[in-house]
Amino acid sequence: LDVAFRPDGKELAVVSLDGQITFWDHQNAVQTGSIEGRHDLQMGRKELDKITAKQAAKGRSFSTVCYSADGLSVLAGGHSKFVCIYNVKEQLLVKKFEISCNHSLDAME
């Protein structure tokens, strides 16, 4: 769970353990929008796999959120290997990055 203020201070973004990002007008205590981010935290799998994408997504959630400098986008990441950028106004996924950990030293000299 994390909270971030838009740079102009007029909106608040909240991430919850169910992978949802909600936006609030904190001065009037009104929810202004939400994004179902849990679908963006999983990778697609084949239909015949024993571990389905739905099962693999259990326990994955965003644990941090921050606004872009212009306040038009949010960046969210956390308990998965993905970091997502969303457009706040359209409430759409703009870009999803897969984070990997490369332990190979092949390129080191």
N, C-alpha and C. Protein backbone atom coordinates (compact mmCIF):
# COMPACT_ATOMS: atom_id res chain seq x y z
N LEU A 1 0.85 -1.17 0.00
CA LEU A 1 0.00 0.00 0.00
C LEU A 1 0.89 1.24 0.00
N ASP A 2 0.58 2.15 -0.92
CA ASP A 2 1.36 3.38 -1.01
C ASP A 2 0.45 4.51 -1.44
N VAL A 3 0.88 5.71 -1.11
CA VAL A 3 0.12 6.93 -1.43
C VAL A 3 1.08 7.94 -2.04
N ALA A 4 0.60 8.66 -3.08
CA ALA A 4 1.43 9.70 -3.71
C ALA A 4 0.54 10.87 -4.10
N PHE A 5 1.03 12.07 -3.89
CA PHE A 5 0.33 13.28 -4.31
C PHE A 5 0.79 13.69 -5.70
N ARG A 6 -0.14 14.16 -6.52
CA ARG A 6 0.22 14.75 -7.80
C ARG A 6 1.05 15.99 -7.52
N PRO A 7 2.00 16.35 -8.37
CA PRO A 7 2.88 17.49 -8.09
C PRO A 7 2.16 18.80 -7.78
N ASP A 8 0.97 19.02 -8.34
CA ASP A 8 0.24 20.25 -8.02
C ASP A 8 -0.56 20.13 -6.72
N GLY A 9 -0.57 18.94 -6.11
CA GLY A 9 -1.22 18.74 -4.83
C GLY A 9 -2.72 18.59 -4.89
N LYS A 10 -3.31 18.48 -6.07
CA LYS A 10 -4.77 18.43 -6.19
C LYS A 10 -5.34 17.02 -6.26
N GLU A 11 -4.49 16.03 -6.40
CA GLU A 11 -4.97 14.66 -6.53
C GLU A 11 -4.04 13.72 -5.77
N LEU A 12 -4.60 12.61 -5.36
CA LEU A 12 -3.90 11.61 -4.58
C LEU A 12 -4.05 10.26 -5.28
N ALA A 13 -2.97 9.51 -5.42
CA ALA A 13 -3.02 8.16 -5.98
C ALA A 13 -2.73 7.17 -4.85
N VAL A 14 -3.53 6.12 -4.79
CA VAL A 14 -3.39 5.10 -3.75
C VAL A 14 -3.33 3.73 -4.42
N VAL A 15 -2.31 2.92 -4.05
CA VAL A 15 -2.26 1.55 -4.53
C VAL A 15 -2.62 0.63 -3.37
N SER A 16 -3.36 -0.43 -3.69
CA SER A 16 -3.80 -1.35 -2.66
C SER A 16 -3.30 -2.76 -2.96
N LEU A 17 -3.48 -3.66 -2.03
CA LEU A 17 -2.95 -5.01 -2.15
C LEU A 17 -3.65 -5.85 -3.22
N ASP A 18 -4.79 -5.40 -3.72
CA ASP A 18 -5.48 -6.13 -4.78
C ASP A 18 -5.05 -5.69 -6.17
N GLY A 19 -4.02 -4.84 -6.26
CA GLY A 19 -3.48 -4.40 -7.54
C GLY A 19 -4.23 -3.24 -8.16
N GLN A 20 -5.07 -2.60 -7.39
CA GLN A 20 -5.85 -1.48 -7.91
C GLN A 20 -5.18 -0.15 -7.55
N ILE A 21 -5.26 0.80 -8.49
CA ILE A 21 -4.78 2.16 -8.27
C ILE A 21 -6.01 3.06 -8.27
N THR A 22 -6.25 3.77 -7.19
CA THR A 22 -7.39 4.67 -7.14
C THR A 22 -6.90 6.11 -7.01
N PHE A 23 -7.66 7.02 -7.59
CA PHE A 23 -7.32 8.43 -7.60
C PHE A 23 -8.39 9.20 -6.83
N TRP A 24 -7.94 10.13 -5.99
CA TRP A 24 -8.84 10.85 -5.09
C TRP A 24 -8.61 12.35 -5.16
N ASP A 25 -9.71 13.09 -5.10
CA ASP A 25 -9.67 14.52 -4.83
C ASP A 25 -9.74 14.62 -3.31
N HIS A 26 -8.60 14.79 -2.68
CA HIS A 26 -8.53 14.72 -1.22
C HIS A 26 -9.21 15.90 -0.53
N GLN A 27 -9.36 17.02 -1.20
CA GLN A 27 -10.02 18.17 -0.57
C GLN A 27 -11.52 17.95 -0.43
N ASN A 28 -12.12 17.22 -1.37
CA ASN A 28 -13.55 16.97 -1.35
C ASN A 28 -13.89 15.52 -0.98
N ALA A 29 -12.88 14.70 -0.71
CA ALA A 29 -13.05 13.29 -0.36
C ALA A 29 -13.87 12.55 -1.40
N VAL A 30 -13.51 12.73 -2.68
CA VAL A 30 -14.22 12.11 -3.79
C VAL A 30 -13.24 11.30 -4.62
N GLN A 31 -13.62 10.06 -4.94
CA GLN A 31 -12.81 9.24 -5.83
C GLN A 31 -13.00 9.74 -7.25
N THR A 32 -11.90 10.03 -7.94
CA THR A 32 -11.98 10.57 -9.30
C THR A 32 -11.70 9.53 -10.38
N GLY A 33 -11.21 8.35 -9.99
CA GLY A 33 -10.95 7.31 -10.98
C GLY A 33 -10.24 6.12 -10.37
N SER A 34 -10.12 5.06 -11.16
CA SER A 34 -9.39 3.88 -10.69
C SER A 34 -8.87 3.09 -11.89
N ILE A 35 -7.82 2.34 -11.65
CA ILE A 35 -7.21 1.48 -12.66
C ILE A 35 -7.08 0.09 -12.06
N GLU A 36 -7.57 -0.92 -12.78
CA GLU A 36 -7.39 -2.31 -12.36
C GLU A 36 -6.02 -2.77 -12.83
N GLY A 37 -5.04 -2.61 -11.99
CA GLY A 37 -3.67 -2.93 -12.38
C GLY A 37 -3.31 -4.38 -12.22
N ARG A 38 -4.13 -5.16 -11.54
CA ARG A 38 -3.75 -6.56 -11.28
C ARG A 38 -3.61 -7.37 -12.55
N HIS A 39 -4.33 -7.01 -13.61
CA HIS A 39 -4.22 -7.73 -14.88
C HIS A 39 -2.88 -7.43 -15.57
N ASP A 40 -2.27 -6.32 -15.24
CA ASP A 40 -0.99 -5.95 -15.84
C ASP A 40 0.19 -6.52 -15.07
N LEU A 41 -0.07 -7.16 -13.94
CA LEU A 41 1.01 -7.74 -13.13
C LEU A 41 1.31 -9.18 -13.48
N GLN A 42 0.58 -9.75 -14.41
CA GLN A 42 0.74 -11.16 -14.73
C GLN A 42 1.19 -11.33 -16.18
N MET A 43 1.78 -12.47 -16.43
CA MET A 43 2.15 -12.83 -17.80
C MET A 43 1.14 -13.84 -18.30
N GLY A 44 0.85 -13.78 -19.57
CA GLY A 44 -0.05 -14.76 -20.16
C GLY A 44 0.60 -16.13 -20.22
N ARG A 45 -0.19 -17.15 -20.03
CA ARG A 45 0.31 -18.52 -20.13
C ARG A 45 -0.60 -19.29 -21.08
N LYS A 46 -0.14 -20.42 -21.51
CA LYS A 46 -0.95 -21.25 -22.39
C LYS A 46 -2.12 -21.85 -21.63
N GLU A 47 -3.18 -22.16 -22.34
CA GLU A 47 -4.40 -22.65 -21.72
C GLU A 47 -4.20 -23.99 -21.01
N LEU A 48 -3.30 -24.83 -21.51
CA LEU A 48 -3.11 -26.16 -20.94
C LEU A 48 -2.09 -26.21 -19.81
N ASP A 49 -1.48 -25.09 -19.47
CA ASP A 49 -0.53 -25.06 -18.36
C ASP A 49 -1.25 -25.35 -17.05
N LYS A 50 -0.57 -26.08 -16.18
CA LYS A 50 -1.17 -26.41 -14.88
C LYS A 50 -1.28 -25.18 -13.99
N ILE A 51 -0.31 -24.27 -14.11
CA ILE A 51 -0.36 -23.02 -13.34
C ILE A 51 -0.93 -21.96 -14.27
N THR A 52 -2.14 -21.54 -13.98
CA THR A 52 -2.78 -20.54 -14.83
C THR A 52 -2.28 -19.15 -14.48
N ALA A 53 -2.49 -18.22 -15.39
CA ALA A 53 -2.08 -16.84 -15.14
C ALA A 53 -2.82 -16.27 -13.94
N LYS A 54 -4.07 -16.68 -13.76
CA LYS A 54 -4.85 -16.20 -12.61
C LYS A 54 -4.21 -16.66 -11.31
N GLN A 55 -3.79 -17.92 -11.26
CA GLN A 55 -3.14 -18.43 -10.05
C GLN A 55 -1.78 -17.78 -9.84
N ALA A 56 -1.06 -17.54 -10.92
CA ALA A 56 0.27 -16.95 -10.81
C ALA A 56 0.21 -15.51 -10.33
N ALA A 57 -0.91 -14.83 -10.56
CA ALA A 57 -1.04 -13.43 -10.17
C ALA A 57 -1.39 -13.26 -8.70
N LYS A 58 -1.75 -14.35 -8.04
CA LYS A 58 -2.09 -14.24 -6.62
C LYS A 58 -0.87 -13.76 -5.84
N GLY A 59 -1.06 -12.80 -4.98
CA GLY A 59 0.02 -12.27 -4.18
C GLY A 59 0.82 -11.18 -4.85
N ARG A 60 0.52 -10.92 -6.11
CA ARG A 60 1.23 -9.84 -6.81
C ARG A 60 0.41 -8.57 -6.69
N SER A 61 1.10 -7.51 -6.36
CA SER A 61 0.42 -6.22 -6.21
C SER A 61 1.43 -5.11 -6.38
N PHE A 62 0.92 -3.92 -6.54
CA PHE A 62 1.78 -2.75 -6.55
C PHE A 62 2.07 -2.37 -5.10
N SER A 63 3.31 -2.03 -4.82
CA SER A 63 3.65 -1.58 -3.47
C SER A 63 4.14 -0.14 -3.47
N THR A 64 4.31 0.43 -4.65
CA THR A 64 4.74 1.82 -4.73
C THR A 64 4.15 2.48 -5.96
N VAL A 65 3.89 3.77 -5.84
CA VAL A 65 3.33 4.55 -6.94
C VAL A 65 3.92 5.95 -6.87
N CYS A 66 4.13 6.57 -8.03
CA CYS A 66 4.57 7.96 -8.06
C CYS A 66 4.05 8.61 -9.34
N TYR A 67 3.85 9.90 -9.27
CA TYR A 67 3.39 10.69 -10.41
C TYR A 67 4.58 11.13 -11.25
N SER A 68 4.33 11.36 -12.53
CA SER A 68 5.32 12.01 -13.38
C SER A 68 5.37 13.48 -13.00
N ALA A 69 6.39 14.18 -13.44
CA ALA A 69 6.56 15.60 -13.08
C ALA A 69 5.40 16.46 -13.55
N ASP A 70 4.79 16.11 -14.70
CA ASP A 70 3.66 16.89 -15.19
C ASP A 70 2.32 16.43 -14.62
N GLY A 71 2.31 15.33 -13.87
CA GLY A 71 1.09 14.84 -13.24
C GLY A 71 0.15 14.10 -14.17
N LEU A 72 0.56 13.84 -15.41
CA LEU A 72 -0.31 13.18 -16.38
C LEU A 72 -0.21 11.66 -16.33
N SER A 73 0.85 11.14 -15.74
CA SER A 73 1.07 9.70 -15.69
C SER A 73 1.46 9.27 -14.29
N VAL A 74 1.25 7.99 -14.00
CA VAL A 74 1.76 7.40 -12.76
C VAL A 74 2.61 6.19 -13.12
N LEU A 75 3.60 5.95 -12.31
CA LEU A 75 4.48 4.81 -12.42
C LEU A 75 4.21 3.93 -11.21
N ALA A 76 3.93 2.65 -11.44
CA ALA A 76 3.62 1.74 -10.34
C ALA A 76 4.44 0.47 -10.48
N GLY A 77 4.91 -0.04 -9.36
CA GLY A 77 5.69 -1.26 -9.32
C GLY A 77 5.57 -1.91 -7.97
N GLY A 78 6.12 -3.12 -7.85
CA GLY A 78 6.05 -3.77 -6.55
C GLY A 78 6.32 -5.24 -6.59
N HIS A 79 5.34 -6.03 -6.14
CA HIS A 79 5.53 -7.46 -5.93
C HIS A 79 5.28 -8.28 -7.19
N SER A 80 5.95 -7.91 -8.24
CA SER A 80 5.97 -8.69 -9.49
C SER A 80 7.19 -8.23 -10.26
N LYS A 81 7.41 -8.82 -11.42
CA LYS A 81 8.58 -8.40 -12.19
C LYS A 81 8.24 -7.33 -13.21
N PHE A 82 7.11 -6.64 -13.04
CA PHE A 82 6.70 -5.61 -13.96
C PHE A 82 6.60 -4.24 -13.29
N VAL A 83 6.97 -3.22 -14.05
CA VAL A 83 6.76 -1.82 -13.68
C VAL A 83 5.88 -1.23 -14.77
N CYS A 84 4.80 -0.56 -14.37
CA CYS A 84 3.81 -0.09 -15.34
C CYS A 84 3.67 1.42 -15.29
N ILE A 85 3.49 2.01 -16.46
CA ILE A 85 3.20 3.44 -16.57
C ILE A 85 1.77 3.57 -17.10
N TYR A 86 0.96 4.35 -16.39
CA TYR A 86 -0.44 4.55 -16.76
C TYR A 86 -0.71 6.03 -17.04
N ASN A 87 -1.59 6.28 -18.00
CA ASN A 87 -2.10 7.63 -18.23
C ASN A 87 -3.24 7.83 -17.24
N VAL A 88 -3.16 8.88 -16.43
CA VAL A 88 -4.14 9.09 -15.37
C VAL A 88 -5.50 9.47 -15.94
N LYS A 89 -5.53 10.39 -16.88
CA LYS A 89 -6.79 10.88 -17.42
C LYS A 89 -7.55 9.78 -18.16
N GLU A 90 -6.86 9.02 -19.01
CA GLU A 90 -7.49 7.96 -19.79
C GLU A 90 -7.60 6.65 -19.01
N GLN A 91 -6.86 6.53 -17.91
CA GLN A 91 -6.81 5.33 -17.08
C GLN A 91 -6.44 4.10 -17.90
N LEU A 92 -5.40 4.27 -18.72
CA LEU A 92 -4.92 3.22 -19.60
C LEU A 92 -3.44 2.94 -19.37
N LEU A 93 -3.07 1.69 -19.61
CA LEU A 93 -1.67 1.30 -19.55
C LEU A 93 -0.94 1.88 -20.75
N VAL A 94 0.13 2.63 -20.49
CA VAL A 94 0.93 3.23 -21.56
C VAL A 94 2.08 2.30 -21.92
N LYS A 95 2.77 1.79 -20.90
CA LYS A 95 3.95 0.94 -21.13
C LYS A 95 4.14 0.03 -19.94
N LYS A 96 4.55 -1.21 -20.22
CA LYS A 96 4.85 -2.18 -19.17
C LYS A 96 6.26 -2.68 -19.38
N PHE A 97 7.08 -2.54 -18.36
CA PHE A 97 8.48 -2.98 -18.41
C PHE A 97 8.65 -4.24 -17.58
N GLU A 98 9.39 -5.20 -18.12
CA GLU A 98 9.70 -6.41 -17.36
C GLU A 98 11.10 -6.25 -16.77
N ILE A 99 11.19 -6.38 -15.48
CA ILE A 99 12.45 -6.23 -14.76
C ILE A 99 13.05 -7.62 -14.59
N SER A 100 14.31 -7.76 -14.93
CA SER A 100 14.97 -9.06 -14.77
C SER A 100 16.24 -8.85 -13.96
N CYS A 101 16.72 -9.94 -13.44
CA CYS A 101 17.95 -9.91 -12.66
C CYS A 101 18.96 -10.83 -13.36
N ASN A 102 19.95 -10.23 -13.99
CA ASN A 102 20.93 -10.98 -14.74
C ASN A 102 22.15 -11.21 -13.86
N HIS A 103 22.39 -12.44 -13.50
CA HIS A 103 23.54 -12.77 -12.65
C HIS A 103 24.76 -13.21 -13.46
N SER A 104 24.64 -13.15 -14.77
CA SER A 104 25.73 -13.58 -15.63
C SER A 104 26.83 -12.51 -15.67
N LEU A 105 28.07 -12.95 -15.65
CA LEU A 105 29.20 -12.03 -15.73
C LEU A 105 29.88 -12.11 -17.08
N ASP A 106 29.17 -12.62 -18.09
CA ASP A 106 29.76 -12.80 -19.41
C ASP A 106 30.25 -11.50 -20.03
N ALA A 107 29.54 -10.42 -19.80
CA ALA A 107 29.90 -9.16 -20.43
C ALA A 107 30.91 -8.36 -19.61
N MET A 108 31.30 -8.88 -18.48
CA MET A 108 32.26 -8.16 -17.61
C MET A 108 33.68 -8.47 -18.04
N GLU A 109 34.51 -7.44 -18.03
CA GLU A 109 35.92 -7.63 -18.36
C GLU A 109 36.78 -7.11 -17.25
